[in-house]
Structure formats: structure tokens, C-alpha cells
Amino acid sequence: MAAASQDQDEVISGINVTPLVDIVLVVLIIFIVTASFVLRTQIPIELPRAATGEAASAGLLNLALTAQGELALDGKPVTLDGLGPAIAAARARGQAEGKPVTAFIAADVATPYGKFAAVVDRLRAEGVADIALDTQPTALEEAAR
């Protein structure tokens, strides 16, 4: 009996880090979700709908074209001439990880087609071959109408 009471009086000298890691991961997930939501709500864009549309994933270059034809890179206004240095920086980051430069373009349905074509042309001229278009997913029945 005396031995049992000595075990209960021992000081716990180790720290259990499992709950700490769980909390940190939950906070990280919340940060990632809110950061992408805040970025989308800052630039007013009405995305077109597509039956094969998927949720956009984070990429090296996130471009947005507003209905007025204004261009934004990662939420900050940029001109066509300003895309060159941004692409070069993304290419340098991608080479460190062995990944090519990827561009995601979110264009408002009312964006002038000429502006959209100019952005795609500039991306191709700078050597960006992987270009994805951001759309809202819709049901196949609705797309067939």
C-alpha cells in the first residue's frame, strides 16, 4: 500500500505535445480558409459557371480580371507589363521545388474578351504553359440548357 501512494505523489516532468499539435493544425486550417475567402471578397468578380468546374486550389500566380478589365495579381493591382517580373519570381520559386509556373485566372463574366486574351497572350509569351480558368461549378443539367 505504501508503494501505491508514492506513485501518485510523483511530479509529472514530461509535456504531452499532442493537444498542442492538434490546436496548431486547426488554427492553420482556419487561417488558410479565411485567407482565400478574404482574397476573393476583396475583388468583385462574378465567375462564369461550368459543368466541369472545380474549386480553385492555390497556385503560384492568382490573377483576377474585373468587369472593367482591371487586372490584379494575388489581390494587388498590376499592369500587363508588371506580369513579367512576377512570373520571373514565380519561376525562381518553382525551380527550387521543381515545379512549373501555374497561373489561375478568375475573370468576371462581363470582362472584355480583348483584355482576357491579352492576359493569356502575355502569360504564354512569358513561358507560362499551365493556365487554368477559375469557374463556379454547376450541375450538368443546368449547363445543357
Protein backbone atom coordinates (compact mmCIF):
# COMPACT_ATOMS: atom_id res chain seq x y z
CA MET A 1 0.00 0.00 0.00
CA ALA A 2 2.79 2.42 0.76
CA ALA A 3 4.25 1.94 -2.70
CA ALA A 4 0.93 2.86 -4.36
CA SER A 5 0.76 6.21 -2.60
CA GLN A 6 4.31 7.09 -3.65
CA ASP A 7 3.40 6.62 -7.35
CA GLN A 8 0.58 9.14 -7.06
CA ASP A 9 2.82 11.77 -5.46
CA GLU A 10 5.38 11.80 -8.29
CA VAL A 11 5.81 15.05 -10.24
CA ILE A 12 4.93 14.89 -13.94
CA SER A 13 8.08 16.04 -15.70
CA GLY A 14 7.06 15.49 -19.36
CA ILE A 15 4.80 17.62 -21.53
CA ASN A 16 2.21 16.00 -23.78
CA VAL A 17 2.50 17.88 -27.09
CA THR A 18 -0.29 16.04 -28.90
CA PRO A 19 -3.04 18.50 -27.89
CA LEU A 20 -0.75 21.40 -28.80
CA VAL A 21 -0.15 19.98 -32.29
CA ASP A 22 -3.90 19.42 -32.74
CA ILE A 23 -4.67 23.03 -31.85
CA VAL A 24 -1.94 24.39 -34.13
CA LEU A 25 -3.22 22.35 -37.09
CA VAL A 26 -6.80 23.52 -36.55
CA VAL A 27 -5.67 27.15 -36.38
CA LEU A 28 -3.61 26.66 -39.57
CA ILE A 29 -6.60 25.24 -41.44
CA ILE A 30 -8.81 28.11 -40.29
CA PHE A 31 -6.15 30.61 -41.43
CA ILE A 32 -5.86 29.05 -44.89
CA VAL A 33 -9.63 29.00 -45.43
CA THR A 34 -10.17 32.58 -44.26
CA ALA A 35 -7.21 33.91 -46.25
CA SER A 36 -8.60 32.56 -49.53
CA PHE A 37 -12.09 33.85 -48.64
CA VAL A 38 -10.79 37.34 -47.84
CA LEU A 39 -8.85 37.47 -51.12
CA ARG A 40 -11.92 36.54 -53.16
CA THR A 41 -14.21 39.04 -51.45
CA GLN A 42 -11.83 41.97 -51.99
CA ILE A 43 -12.04 41.82 -55.78
CA PRO A 44 -15.61 41.95 -57.11
CA ILE A 45 -15.78 39.17 -59.72
CA GLU A 46 -18.78 37.20 -60.91
CA LEU A 47 -17.30 33.93 -62.14
CA PRO A 48 -18.87 32.12 -65.09
CA ARG A 49 -20.43 28.72 -64.43
CA ALA A 50 -19.13 25.48 -65.95
CA ALA A 51 -20.31 21.89 -65.61
CA THR A 52 -16.73 20.67 -65.27
CA GLY A 53 -15.71 23.42 -62.86
CA GLU A 54 -13.79 22.56 -59.72
CA ALA A 55 -12.86 24.50 -56.63
CA ALA A 56 -9.71 26.53 -57.25
CA SER A 57 -6.59 25.47 -55.47
CA ALA A 58 -3.80 27.75 -54.53
CA GLY A 59 -1.24 28.33 -57.28
CA LEU A 60 1.89 30.29 -57.95
CA LEU A 61 0.06 33.06 -59.85
CA ASN A 62 -3.53 34.00 -58.97
CA LEU A 63 -4.81 36.54 -61.50
CA ALA A 64 -8.18 38.30 -61.42
CA LEU A 65 -9.86 40.36 -64.14
CA THR A 66 -12.72 42.61 -63.05
CA ALA A 67 -15.74 43.55 -65.18
CA GLN A 68 -14.00 46.84 -66.00
CA GLY A 69 -10.91 44.97 -67.29
CA GLU A 70 -8.68 45.79 -64.31
CA LEU A 71 -6.02 43.16 -63.59
CA ALA A 72 -4.95 42.01 -60.12
CA LEU A 73 -2.19 39.58 -59.11
CA ASP A 74 -2.68 37.94 -55.70
CA GLY A 75 -5.19 40.66 -54.81
CA LYS A 76 -2.94 43.60 -55.74
CA PRO A 77 -3.47 45.74 -58.86
CA VAL A 78 -0.95 45.08 -61.63
CA THR A 79 -0.50 46.02 -65.28
CA LEU A 80 0.32 43.69 -68.17
CA ASP A 81 3.91 44.97 -68.07
CA GLY A 82 4.08 44.14 -64.35
CA LEU A 83 3.38 40.46 -65.03
CA GLY A 84 6.91 39.83 -66.34
CA PRO A 85 8.74 40.34 -63.02
CA ALA A 86 6.02 38.44 -61.13
CA ILE A 87 6.34 35.48 -63.49
CA ALA A 88 10.13 35.54 -63.17
CA ALA A 89 9.83 35.48 -59.37
CA ALA A 90 7.30 32.62 -59.51
CA ARG A 91 9.59 30.71 -61.88
CA ALA A 92 12.50 31.11 -59.44
CA ARG A 93 10.34 29.81 -56.56
CA GLY A 94 9.08 26.93 -58.70
CA GLN A 95 12.55 25.86 -59.79
CA ALA A 96 13.57 25.47 -56.16
CA GLU A 97 10.72 22.96 -55.74
CA GLY A 98 10.98 21.52 -59.25
CA LYS A 99 7.50 22.76 -60.27
CA PRO A 100 6.49 24.73 -63.39
CA VAL A 101 4.76 28.10 -63.17
CA THR A 102 0.98 27.75 -62.97
CA ALA A 103 -1.49 30.59 -63.50
CA PHE A 104 -5.11 30.65 -62.28
CA ILE A 105 -7.23 33.29 -63.99
CA ALA A 106 -10.52 34.38 -62.43
CA ALA A 107 -12.31 36.63 -64.91
CA ASP A 108 -15.70 38.28 -64.43
CA VAL A 109 -18.32 37.19 -66.96
CA ALA A 110 -18.56 40.83 -68.11
CA THR A 111 -14.79 41.20 -68.69
CA PRO A 112 -13.98 42.41 -72.22
CA TYR A 113 -12.66 39.44 -74.18
CA GLY A 114 -9.81 41.51 -75.56
CA LYS A 115 -8.45 42.13 -72.05
CA PHE A 116 -8.71 38.43 -71.23
CA ALA A 117 -6.96 37.45 -74.45
CA ALA A 118 -4.19 39.98 -73.78
CA VAL A 119 -3.52 38.50 -70.33
CA VAL A 120 -3.41 34.93 -71.68
CA ASP A 121 -1.15 36.06 -74.54
CA ARG A 122 1.24 37.77 -72.11
CA LEU A 123 1.36 34.65 -69.92
CA ARG A 124 2.18 32.46 -72.93
CA ALA A 125 4.79 34.93 -74.17
CA GLU A 126 6.48 34.74 -70.75
CA GLY A 127 6.58 30.93 -70.97
CA VAL A 128 3.62 30.03 -68.72
CA ALA A 129 2.05 27.00 -70.38
CA ASP A 130 -0.11 25.78 -67.46
CA ILE A 131 -3.06 28.20 -67.39
CA ALA A 132 -6.28 27.32 -65.56
CA LEU A 133 -9.57 29.21 -65.63
CA ASP A 134 -11.50 29.70 -62.40
CA THR A 135 -15.22 28.96 -62.70
CA GLN A 136 -18.12 28.16 -60.41
CA PRO A 137 -19.22 24.52 -60.52
CA THR A 138 -22.76 23.91 -61.76
CA ALA A 139 -24.89 20.85 -62.40
CA LEU A 140 -24.63 19.18 -65.81
CA GLU A 141 -28.39 19.55 -66.37
CA GLU A 142 -28.16 23.31 -65.88
CA ALA A 143 -25.21 23.56 -68.29
CA ALA A 144 -27.14 21.71 -71.02
CA ARG A 145 -29.83 24.42 -71.16
